[in-house]
PDB file of N, CA and C in Angstrom:
ATOM      1  N   UNK A   1     -32.489   8.378   4.265  1.00  0.00           N
ATOM      2  CA  UNK A   1     -31.465   8.275   5.261  1.00  0.00           C
ATOM      3  C   UNK A   1     -30.101   8.310   4.578  1.00  0.00           C
ATOM      4  N   UNK A   2     -29.243   9.186   5.012  1.00  0.00           N
ATOM      5  CA  UNK A   2     -27.897   9.295   4.479  1.00  0.00           C
ATOM      6  C   UNK A   2     -26.950   8.425   5.300  1.00  0.00           C
ATOM      7  N   UNK A   3     -26.076   7.725   4.621  1.00  0.00           N
ATOM      8  CA  UNK A   3     -25.104   6.874   5.312  1.00  0.00           C
ATOM      9  C   UNK A   3     -23.703   7.343   4.984  1.00  0.00           C
ATOM     10  N   UNK A   4     -22.874   7.413   6.002  1.00  0.00           N
ATOM     11  CA  UNK A   4     -21.492   7.829   5.826  1.00  0.00           C
ATOM     12  C   UNK A   4     -20.593   6.729   6.355  1.00  0.00           C
ATOM     13  N   UNK A   5     -19.619   6.331   5.558  1.00  0.00           N
ATOM     14  CA  UNK A   5     -18.685   5.290   5.967  1.00  0.00           C
ATOM     15  C   UNK A   5     -17.812   5.778   7.117  1.00  0.00           C
ATOM     16  N   UNK A   6     -17.466   4.846   8.005  1.00  0.00           N
ATOM     17  CA  UNK A   6     -16.555   5.135   9.102  1.00  0.00           C
ATOM     18  C   UNK A   6     -15.216   4.482   8.811  1.00  0.00           C
ATOM     19  N   UNK A   7     -14.150   5.205   9.134  1.00  0.00           N
ATOM     20  CA  UNK A   7     -12.795   4.671   8.955  1.00  0.00           C
ATOM     21  C   UNK A   7     -12.029   4.813  10.268  1.00  0.00           C
ATOM     22  N   UNK A   8     -10.997   4.008  10.407  1.00  0.00           N
ATOM     23  CA  UNK A   8     -10.208   4.005  11.637  1.00  0.00           C
ATOM     24  C   UNK A   8      -9.283   5.211  11.683  1.00  0.00           C
ATOM     25  N   UNK A   9      -9.311   5.924  12.799  1.00  0.00           N
ATOM     26  CA  UNK A   9      -8.322   6.962  13.087  1.00  0.00           C
ATOM     27  C   UNK A   9      -7.340   6.302  14.045  1.00  0.00           C
ATOM     28  N   UNK A  10      -6.213   5.834  13.516  1.00  0.00           N
ATOM     29  CA  UNK A  10      -5.250   5.080  14.314  1.00  0.00           C
ATOM     30  C   UNK A  10      -4.614   5.920  15.422  1.00  0.00           C
ATOM     31  N   UNK A  11      -4.479   7.210  15.200  1.00  0.00           N
ATOM     32  CA  UNK A  11      -3.868   8.068  16.219  1.00  0.00           C
ATOM     33  C   UNK A  11      -4.770   8.236  17.430  1.00  0.00           C
ATOM     34  N   UNK A  12      -6.068   8.360  17.214  1.00  0.00           N
ATOM     35  CA  UNK A  12      -7.004   8.553  18.314  1.00  0.00           C
ATOM     36  C   UNK A  12      -7.646   7.249  18.776  1.00  0.00           C
ATOM     37  N   UNK A  13      -7.461   6.180  17.986  1.00  0.00           N
ATOM     38  CA  UNK A  13      -8.016   4.891  18.360  1.00  0.00           C
ATOM     39  C   UNK A  13      -9.528   4.842  18.318  1.00  0.00           C
ATOM     40  N   UNK A  14     -10.118   5.426  17.284  1.00  0.00           N
ATOM     41  CA  UNK A  14     -11.577   5.439  17.171  1.00  0.00           C
ATOM     42  C   UNK A  14     -11.980   5.454  15.700  1.00  0.00           C
ATOM     43  N   UNK A  15     -13.267   5.306  15.470  1.00  0.00           N
ATOM     44  CA  UNK A  15     -13.810   5.412  14.125  1.00  0.00           C
ATOM     45  C   UNK A  15     -14.296   6.837  13.892  1.00  0.00           C
ATOM     46  N   UNK A  16     -14.044   7.335  12.685  1.00  0.00           N
ATOM     47  CA  UNK A  16     -14.497   8.673  12.312  1.00  0.00           C
ATOM     48  C   UNK A  16     -15.161   8.617  10.945  1.00  0.00           C
ATOM     49  N   UNK A  17     -16.100   9.507  10.679  1.00  0.00           N
ATOM     50  CA  UNK A  17     -16.713   9.543   9.345  1.00  0.00           C
ATOM     51  C   UNK A  17     -15.693   9.985   8.297  1.00  0.00           C
ATOM     52  N   UNK A  18     -15.796   9.392   7.103  1.00  0.00           N
ATOM     53  CA  UNK A  18     -14.854   9.756   6.042  1.00  0.00           C
ATOM     54  C   UNK A  18     -14.940  11.237   5.691  1.00  0.00           C
ATOM     55  N   UNK A  19     -16.065  11.863   5.995  1.00  0.00           N
ATOM     56  CA  UNK A  19     -16.228  13.282   5.700  1.00  0.00           C
ATOM     57  C   UNK A  19     -15.318  14.159   6.558  1.00  0.00           C
ATOM     58  N   UNK A  20     -14.688  13.582   7.599  1.00  0.00           N
ATOM     59  CA  UNK A  20     -13.720  14.330   8.416  1.00  0.00           C
ATOM     60  C   UNK A  20     -12.367  14.470   7.723  1.00  0.00           C
ATOM     61  N   UNK A  21     -12.178  13.763   6.614  1.00  0.00           N
ATOM     62  CA  UNK A  21     -10.894  13.762   5.917  1.00  0.00           C
ATOM     63  C   UNK A  21     -11.048  14.445   4.563  1.00  0.00           C
ATOM     64  N   UNK A  22     -10.502  15.649   4.396  1.00  0.00           N
ATOM     65  CA  UNK A  22     -10.695  16.388   3.140  1.00  0.00           C
ATOM     66  C   UNK A  22     -10.068  15.691   1.929  1.00  0.00           C
ATOM     67  N   UNK A  23      -9.076  14.817   2.146  1.00  0.00           N
ATOM     68  CA  UNK A  23      -8.425  14.150   1.018  1.00  0.00           C
ATOM     69  C   UNK A  23      -8.999  12.761   0.744  1.00  0.00           C
ATOM     70  N   UNK A  24     -10.094  12.393   1.409  1.00  0.00           N
ATOM     71  CA  UNK A  24     -10.704  11.081   1.193  1.00  0.00           C
ATOM     72  C   UNK A  24     -11.203  10.963  -0.240  1.00  0.00           C
ATOM     73  N   UNK A  25     -10.910   9.799  -0.883  1.00  0.00           N
ATOM     74  CA  UNK A  25     -11.350   9.588  -2.258  1.00  0.00           C
ATOM     75  C   UNK A  25     -12.347   8.444  -2.373  1.00  0.00           C
ATOM     76  N   UNK A  26     -12.014   7.270  -1.850  1.00  0.00           N
ATOM     77  CA  UNK A  26     -12.910   6.121  -1.932  1.00  0.00           C
ATOM     78  C   UNK A  26     -12.443   5.013  -1.004  1.00  0.00           C
ATOM     79  N   UNK A  27     -13.340   4.095  -0.711  1.00  0.00           N
ATOM     80  CA  UNK A  27     -13.006   2.945   0.116  1.00  0.00           C
ATOM     81  C   UNK A  27     -12.500   1.825  -0.781  1.00  0.00           C
ATOM     82  N   UNK A  28     -11.587   1.039  -0.248  1.00  0.00           N
ATOM     83  CA  UNK A  28     -11.049  -0.111  -0.965  1.00  0.00           C
ATOM     84  C   UNK A  28     -11.161  -1.322  -0.051  1.00  0.00           C
ATOM     85  N   UNK A  29     -11.690  -2.429  -0.586  1.00  0.00           N
ATOM     86  CA  UNK A  29     -11.791  -3.645   0.208  1.00  0.00           C
ATOM     87  C   UNK A  29     -10.392  -4.114   0.579  1.00  0.00           C
ATOM     88  N   UNK A  30     -10.185  -4.424   1.835  1.00  0.00           N
ATOM     89  CA  UNK A  30      -8.900  -4.917   2.307  1.00  0.00           C
ATOM     90  C   UNK A  30      -9.088  -6.335   2.815  1.00  0.00           C
ATOM     91  N   UNK A  31      -8.277  -7.235   2.332  1.00  0.00           N
ATOM     92  CA  UNK A  31      -8.340  -8.610   2.790  1.00  0.00           C
ATOM     93  C   UNK A  31      -7.828  -8.700   4.222  1.00  0.00           C
ATOM     94  N   UNK A  32      -8.358  -9.615   4.973  1.00  0.00           N
ATOM     95  CA  UNK A  32      -7.915  -9.825   6.345  1.00  0.00           C
ATOM     96  C   UNK A  32      -6.483 -10.361   6.317  1.00  0.00           C
ATOM     97  N   UNK A  33      -5.608  -9.700   7.045  1.00  0.00           N
ATOM     98  CA  UNK A  33      -4.210 -10.122   7.124  1.00  0.00           C
ATOM     99  C   UNK A  33      -4.090 -11.194   8.195  1.00  0.00           C
ATOM    100  N   UNK A  34      -3.461 -12.314   7.834  1.00  0.00           N
ATOM    101  CA  UNK A  34      -3.309 -13.420   8.770  1.00  0.00           C
ATOM    102  C   UNK A  34      -1.852 -13.674   9.150  1.00  0.00           C
ATOM    103  N   UNK A  35      -0.922 -12.961   8.519  1.00  0.00           N
ATOM    104  CA  UNK A  35       0.486 -13.136   8.846  1.00  0.00           C
ATOM    105  C   UNK A  35       1.350 -12.153   8.091  1.00  0.00           C
ATOM    106  N   UNK A  36       2.619 -12.169   8.424  1.00  0.00           N
ATOM    107  CA  UNK A  36       3.588 -11.313   7.746  1.00  0.00           C
ATOM    108  C   UNK A  36       4.928 -12.033   7.691  1.00  0.00           C
ATOM    109  N   UNK A  37       5.632 -11.857   6.592  1.00  0.00           N
ATOM    110  CA  UNK A  37       6.970 -12.442   6.449  1.00  0.00           C
ATOM    111  C   UNK A  37       7.909 -11.372   5.915  1.00  0.00           C
ATOM    112  N   UNK A  38       9.169 -11.498   6.259  1.00  0.00           N
ATOM    113  CA  UNK A  38      10.181 -10.559   5.767  1.00  0.00           C
ATOM    114  C   UNK A  38      10.422 -10.789   4.286  1.00  0.00           C
ATOM    115  N   UNK A  39      10.748  -9.720   3.593  1.00  0.00           N
ATOM    116  CA  UNK A  39      11.096  -9.826   2.173  1.00  0.00           C
ATOM    117  C   UNK A  39      12.601 -10.041   2.058  1.00  0.00           C
ATOM    118  N   UNK A  40      12.985 -10.785   1.052  1.00  0.00           N
ATOM    119  CA  UNK A  40      14.413 -10.938   0.774  1.00  0.00           C
ATOM    120  C   UNK A  40      14.977  -9.578   0.402  1.00  0.00           C
ATOM    121  N   UNK A  41      16.185  -9.275   0.812  1.00  0.00           N
ATOM    122  CA  UNK A  41      16.772  -7.971   0.450  1.00  0.00           C
ATOM    123  C   UNK A  41      16.781  -7.779  -1.069  1.00  0.00           C
ATOM    124  N   UNK A  42      16.445  -6.584  -1.498  1.00  0.00           N
ATOM    125  CA  UNK A  42      16.495  -6.250  -2.910  1.00  0.00           C
ATOM    126  C   UNK A  42      15.158  -6.118  -3.609  1.00  0.00           C
ATOM    127  N   UNK A  43      14.082  -6.647  -3.023  1.00  0.00           N
ATOM    128  CA  UNK A  43      12.769  -6.460  -3.634  1.00  0.00           C
ATOM    129  C   UNK A  43      12.371  -4.995  -3.483  1.00  0.00           C
ATOM    130  N   UNK A  44      11.779  -4.431  -4.561  1.00  0.00           N
ATOM    131  CA  UNK A  44      11.382  -3.027  -4.531  1.00  0.00           C
ATOM    132  C   UNK A  44      10.043  -2.837  -5.206  1.00  0.00           C
ATOM    133  N   UNK A  45       9.305  -1.848  -4.737  1.00  0.00           N
ATOM    134  CA  UNK A  45       8.048  -1.443  -5.353  1.00  0.00           C
ATOM    135  C   UNK A  45       8.332  -0.200  -6.188  1.00  0.00           C
ATOM    136  N   UNK A  46       7.756  -0.160  -7.388  1.00  0.00           N
ATOM    137  CA  UNK A  46       8.010   0.972  -8.283  1.00  0.00           C
ATOM    138  C   UNK A  46       6.689   1.541  -8.793  1.00  0.00           C
ATOM    139  N   UNK A  47       6.580   2.853  -8.700  1.00  0.00           N
ATOM    140  CA  UNK A  47       5.437   3.588  -9.242  1.00  0.00           C
ATOM    141  C   UNK A  47       5.945   4.436 -10.408  1.00  0.00           C
ATOM    142  N   UNK A  48       5.340   4.295 -11.584  1.00  0.00           N
ATOM    143  CA  UNK A  48       5.746   5.086 -12.754  1.00  0.00           C
ATOM    144  C   UNK A  48       5.395   6.557 -12.587  1.00  0.00           C
ATOM    145  N   UNK A  49       4.269   6.815 -11.956  1.00  0.00           N
ATOM    146  CA  UNK A  49       3.746   8.170 -11.855  1.00  0.00           C
ATOM    147  C   UNK A  49       3.295   8.408 -10.420  1.00  0.00           C
ATOM    148  N   UNK A  50       4.243   8.659  -9.526  1.00  0.00           N
ATOM    149  CA  UNK A  50       3.914   8.885  -8.118  1.00  0.00           C
ATOM    150  C   UNK A  50       3.351  10.291  -7.994  1.00  0.00           C
ATOM    151  N   UNK A  51       3.501  10.935  -6.898  1.00  0.00           N
ATOM    152  CA  UNK A  51       2.971  12.284  -6.712  1.00  0.00           C
ATOM    153  C   UNK A  51       3.638  13.273  -7.653  1.00  0.00           C
ATOM    154  N   UNK A  52       2.841  14.004  -8.388  1.00  0.00           N
ATOM    155  CA  UNK A  52       3.381  15.022  -9.293  1.00  0.00           C
ATOM    156  C   UNK A  52       4.024  14.458 -10.534  1.00  0.00           C
ATOM    157  N   UNK A  53       3.716  13.215 -10.895  1.00  0.00           N
ATOM    158  CA  UNK A  53       4.257  12.639 -12.118  1.00  0.00           C
ATOM    159  C   UNK A  53       5.688  12.152 -12.018  1.00  0.00           C
ATOM    160  N   UNK A  54       6.226  12.079 -10.817  1.00  0.00           N
ATOM    161  CA  UNK A  54       7.614  11.663 -10.615  1.00  0.00           C
ATOM    162  C   UNK A  54       7.660  10.164 -10.314  1.00  0.00           C
ATOM    163  N   UNK A  55       8.504   9.398 -11.005  1.00  0.00           N
ATOM    164  CA  UNK A  55       8.639   7.981 -10.681  1.00  0.00           C
ATOM    165  C   UNK A  55       9.238   7.814  -9.278  1.00  0.00           C
ATOM    166  N   UNK A  56       8.900   6.696  -8.633  1.00  0.00           N
ATOM    167  CA  UNK A  56       9.425   6.449  -7.286  1.00  0.00           C
ATOM    168  C   UNK A  56       9.629   4.949  -7.103  1.00  0.00           C
ATOM    169  N   UNK A  57      10.717   4.594  -6.441  1.00  0.00           N
ATOM    170  CA  UNK A  57      11.015   3.205  -6.118  1.00  0.00           C
ATOM    171  C   UNK A  57      11.358   3.128  -4.640  1.00  0.00           C
ATOM    172  N   UNK A  58      10.732   2.175  -3.931  1.00  0.00           N
ATOM    173  CA  UNK A  58      10.981   1.992  -2.505  1.00  0.00           C
ATOM    174  C   UNK A  58      11.261   0.529  -2.218  1.00  0.00           C
ATOM    175  N   UNK A  59      12.077   0.270  -1.221  1.00  0.00           N
ATOM    176  CA  UNK A  59      12.388  -1.098  -0.812  1.00  0.00           C
ATOM    177  C   UNK A  59      11.162  -1.759  -0.197  1.00  0.00           C
ATOM    178  N   UNK A  60      10.935  -3.006  -0.572  1.00  0.00           N
ATOM    179  CA  UNK A  60       9.889  -3.820   0.056  1.00  0.00           C
ATOM    180  C   UNK A  60      10.562  -4.515   1.233  1.00  0.00           C
ATOM    181  N   UNK A  61      10.018  -4.319   2.429  1.00  0.00           N
ATOM    182  CA  UNK A  61      10.629  -4.917   3.621  1.00  0.00           C
ATOM    183  C   UNK A  61       9.905  -6.167   4.090  1.00  0.00           C
ATOM    184  N   UNK A  62       8.683  -6.387   3.574  1.00  0.00           N
ATOM    185  CA  UNK A  62       7.951  -7.572   3.983  1.00  0.00           C
ATOM    186  C   UNK A  62       6.718  -7.783   3.135  1.00  0.00           C
ATOM    187  N   UNK A  63       6.043  -8.902   3.422  1.00  0.00           N
ATOM    188  CA  UNK A  63       4.820  -9.279   2.713  1.00  0.00           C
ATOM    189  C   UNK A  63       3.752  -9.586   3.751  1.00  0.00           C
ATOM    190  N   UNK A  64       2.587  -8.977   3.579  1.00  0.00           N
ATOM    191  CA  UNK A  64       1.448  -9.292   4.429  1.00  0.00           C
ATOM    192  C   UNK A  64       0.688 -10.424   3.752  1.00  0.00           C
ATOM    193  N   UNK A  65       0.478 -11.514   4.461  1.00  0.00           N
ATOM    194  CA  UNK A  65      -0.228 -12.675   3.922  1.00  0.00           C
ATOM    195  C   UNK A  65      -1.701 -12.523   4.284  1.00  0.00           C
ATOM    196  N   UNK A  66      -2.570 -12.654   3.282  1.00  0.00           N
ATOM    197  CA  UNK A  66      -4.004 -12.446   3.507  1.00  0.00           C
ATOM    198  C   UNK A  66      -4.743 -13.777   3.625  1.00  0.00           C
ATOM    199  N   UNK A  67      -5.958 -13.706   4.130  1.00  0.00           N
ATOM    200  CA  UNK A  67      -6.783 -14.898   4.326  1.00  0.00           C
ATOM    201  C   UNK A  67      -7.087 -15.631   3.033  1.00  0.00           C
ATOM    202  N   UNK A  68      -6.963 -14.953   1.916  1.00  0.00           N
ATOM    203  CA  UNK A  68      -7.244 -15.576   0.616  1.00  0.00           C
ATOM    204  C   UNK A  68      -5.959 -15.969  -0.103  1.00  0.00           C
ATOM    205  N   UNK A  69      -4.906 -16.197   0.662  1.00  0.00           N
ATOM    206  CA  UNK A  69      -3.606 -16.642   0.152  1.00  0.00           C
ATOM    207  C   UNK A  69      -2.922 -15.611  -0.731  1.00  0.00           C
ATOM    208  N   UNK A  70      -3.244 -14.345  -0.551  1.00  0.00           N
ATOM    209  CA  UNK A  70      -2.571 -13.280  -1.279  1.00  0.00           C
ATOM    210  C   UNK A  70      -1.363 -12.794  -0.486  1.00  0.00           C
ATOM    211  N   UNK A  71      -0.551 -12.006  -1.117  1.00  0.00           N
ATOM    212  CA  UNK A  71       0.599 -11.407  -0.454  1.00  0.00           C
ATOM    213  C   UNK A  71       0.684  -9.949  -0.886  1.00  0.00           C
ATOM    214  N   UNK A  72       0.651  -9.048   0.081  1.00  0.00           N
ATOM    215  CA  UNK A  72       0.747  -7.618  -0.199  1.00  0.00           C
ATOM    216  C   UNK A  72       2.109  -7.119   0.235  1.00  0.00           C
ATOM    217  N   UNK A  73       2.864  -6.491  -0.676  1.00  0.00           N
ATOM    218  CA  UNK A  73       4.158  -5.952  -0.279  1.00  0.00           C
ATOM    219  C   UNK A  73       3.972  -4.722   0.602  1.00  0.00           C
ATOM    220  N   UNK A  74       4.878  -4.538   1.575  1.00  0.00           N
ATOM    221  CA  UNK A  74       4.851  -3.286   2.336  1.00  0.00           C
ATOM    222  C   UNK A  74       6.249  -2.725   2.466  1.00  0.00           C
ATOM    223  N   UNK A  75       6.305  -1.406   2.603  1.00  0.00           N
ATOM    224  CA  UNK A  75       7.570  -0.670   2.628  1.00  0.00           C
ATOM    225  C   UNK A  75       7.943  -0.294   4.057  1.00  0.00           C
ATOM    226  N   UNK A  76       9.097   0.318   4.223  1.00  0.00           N
ATOM    227  CA  UNK A  76       9.616   0.642   5.554  1.00  0.00           C
ATOM    228  C   UNK A  76       8.717   1.569   6.352  1.00  0.00           C
ATOM    229  N   UNK A  77       7.917   2.388   5.680  1.00  0.00           N
ATOM    230  CA  UNK A  77       7.015   3.285   6.417  1.00  0.00           C
ATOM    231  C   UNK A  77       5.732   2.576   6.849  1.00  0.00           C
ATOM    232  N   UNK A  78       5.632   1.269   6.554  1.00  0.00           N
ATOM    233  CA  UNK A  78       4.472   0.486   6.967  1.00  0.00           C
ATOM    234  C   UNK A  78       3.312   0.520   5.999  1.00  0.00           C
ATOM    235  N   UNK A  79       3.450   1.259   4.908  1.00  0.00           N
ATOM    236  CA  UNK A  79       2.373   1.351   3.914  1.00  0.00           C
ATOM    237  C   UNK A  79       2.453   0.169   2.952  1.00  0.00           C
ATOM    238  N   UNK A  80       1.296  -0.346   2.551  1.00  0.00           N
ATOM    239  CA  UNK A  80       1.326  -1.399   1.547  1.00  0.00           C
ATOM    240  C   UNK A  80       1.604  -0.772   0.191  1.00  0.00           C
ATOM    241  N   UNK A  81       2.231  -1.549  -0.655  1.00  0.00           N
ATOM    242  CA  UNK A  81       2.571  -1.082  -1.999  1.00  0.00           C
ATOM    243  C   UNK A  81       1.731  -1.811  -3.030  1.00  0.00           C
ATOM    244  N   UNK A  82       0.488  -2.175  -2.655  1.00  0.00           N
ATOM    245  CA  UNK A  82      -0.364  -2.918  -3.572  1.00  0.00           C
ATOM    246  C   UNK A  82      -0.748  -2.119  -4.810  1.00  0.00           C
ATOM    247  N   UNK A  83      -0.609  -0.790  -4.750  1.00  0.00           N
ATOM    248  CA  UNK A  83      -0.937   0.041  -5.910  1.00  0.00           C
ATOM    249  C   UNK A  83       0.280   0.342  -6.779  1.00  0.00           C
ATOM    250  N   UNK A  84       1.425  -0.276  -6.454  1.00  0.00           N
ATOM    251  CA  UNK A  84       2.640  -0.054  -7.248  1.00  0.00           C
ATOM    252  C   UNK A  84       2.437  -0.590  -8.660  1.00  0.00           C
ATOM    253  N   UNK A  85       3.095   0.032  -9.622  1.00  0.00           N
ATOM    254  CA  UNK A  85       3.007  -0.433 -11.005  1.00  0.00           C
ATOM    255  C   UNK A  85       3.811  -1.710 -11.220  1.00  0.00           C
ATOM    256  N   UNK A  86       4.907  -1.856 -10.488  1.00  0.00           N
ATOM    257  CA  UNK A  86       5.775  -3.025 -10.616  1.00  0.00           C
ATOM    258  C   UNK A  86       6.343  -3.416  -9.256  1.00  0.00           C
ATOM    259  N   UNK A  87       6.547  -4.705  -9.063  1.00  0.00           N
ATOM    260  CA  UNK A  87       7.343  -5.185  -7.940  1.00  0.00           C
ATOM    261  C   UNK A  87       8.604  -5.755  -8.574  1.00  0.00           C
ATOM    262  N   UNK A  88       9.715  -5.161  -8.253  1.00  0.00           N
ATOM    263  CA  UNK A  88      10.988  -5.531  -8.866  1.00  0.00           C
ATOM    264  C   UNK A  88      11.714  -6.562  -8.016  1.00  0.00           C
ATOM    265  N   UNK A  89      12.214  -7.608  -8.656  1.00  0.00           N
ATOM    266  CA  UNK A  89      13.010  -8.635  -7.982  1.00  0.00           C
ATOM    267  C   UNK A  89      14.414  -8.072  -7.748  1.00  0.00           C
ATOM    268  N   UNK A  90      15.167  -8.665  -6.825  1.00  0.00           N
ATOM    269  CA  UNK A  90      16.538  -8.207  -6.604  1.00  0.00           C
ATOM    270  C   UNK A  90      17.326  -8.177  -7.913  1.00  0.00           C
ATOM    271  N   UNK A  91      17.967  -7.055  -8.183  1.00  0.00           N
ATOM    272  CA  UNK A  91      18.773  -6.878  -9.392  1.00  0.00           C
ATOM    273  C   UNK A  91      17.997  -6.413 -10.605  1.00  0.00           C
ATOM    274  N   UNK A  92      16.684  -6.444 -10.560  1.00  0.00           N
ATOM    275  CA  UNK A  92      15.864  -6.010 -11.687  1.00  0.00           C
ATOM    276  C   UNK A  92      15.686  -4.493 -11.638  1.00  0.00           C
ATOM    277  N   UNK A  93      15.762  -3.857 -12.790  1.00  0.00           N
ATOM    278  CA  UNK A  93      15.607  -2.406 -12.875  1.00  0.00           C
ATOM    279  C   UNK A  93      14.252  -2.044 -13.482  1.00  0.00           C
ATOM    280  N   UNK A  94      13.739  -0.921 -13.076  1.00  0.00           N
ATOM    281  CA  UNK A  94      12.482  -0.416 -13.647  1.00  0.00           C
ATOM    282  C   UNK A  94      12.740   0.036 -15.068  1.00  0.00           C
ATOM    283  N   UNK A  95      11.782  -0.186 -15.967  1.00  0.00           N
ATOM    284  CA  UNK A  95      11.977   0.282 -17.351  1.00  0.00           C
ATOM    285  C   UNK A  95      12.061   1.793 -17.391  1.00  0.00           C
ATOM    286  N   UNK A  96      12.864   2.295 -18.283  1.00  0.00           N
ATOM    287  CA  UNK A  96      13.003   3.739 -18.446  1.00  0.00           C
ATOM    288  C   UNK A  96      11.802   4.302 -19.167  1.00  0.00           C
ATOM    289  N   UNK A  97      11.397   5.494 -18.739  1.00  0.00           N
ATOM    290  CA  UNK A  97      10.278   6.173 -19.399  1.00  0.00           C
ATOM    291  C   UNK A  97      10.745   6.753 -20.718  1.00  0.00           C
ATOM    292  N   UNK A  98       9.872   6.722 -21.730  1.00  0.00           N
ATOM    293  CA  UNK A  98      10.250   7.287 -23.041  1.00  0.00           C
ATOM    294  C   UNK A  98      10.410   8.773 -22.986  1.00  0.00           C
TER     295      UNK A  98
END
């Protein structure tokens, strides 16, 4: 018996098999979110090697609080930045690449 994972299609409001998404790579366990708080102005998420090897820094607008007392940063587009290489405090700069 073959099993295929189902993922949420937020636009259609239903579950779809991951095989419907050509860019699907893998599933990641997500902690249950129990709250959200605003981030202080100036916090930023930084990726050293974003798409195409280009560094990227985005403002963190809030923190999602998880059931296990974790906090996941999220950006203005609503995406979590848990895969960011660094979370920069206000006034802190990302290290320069060699």
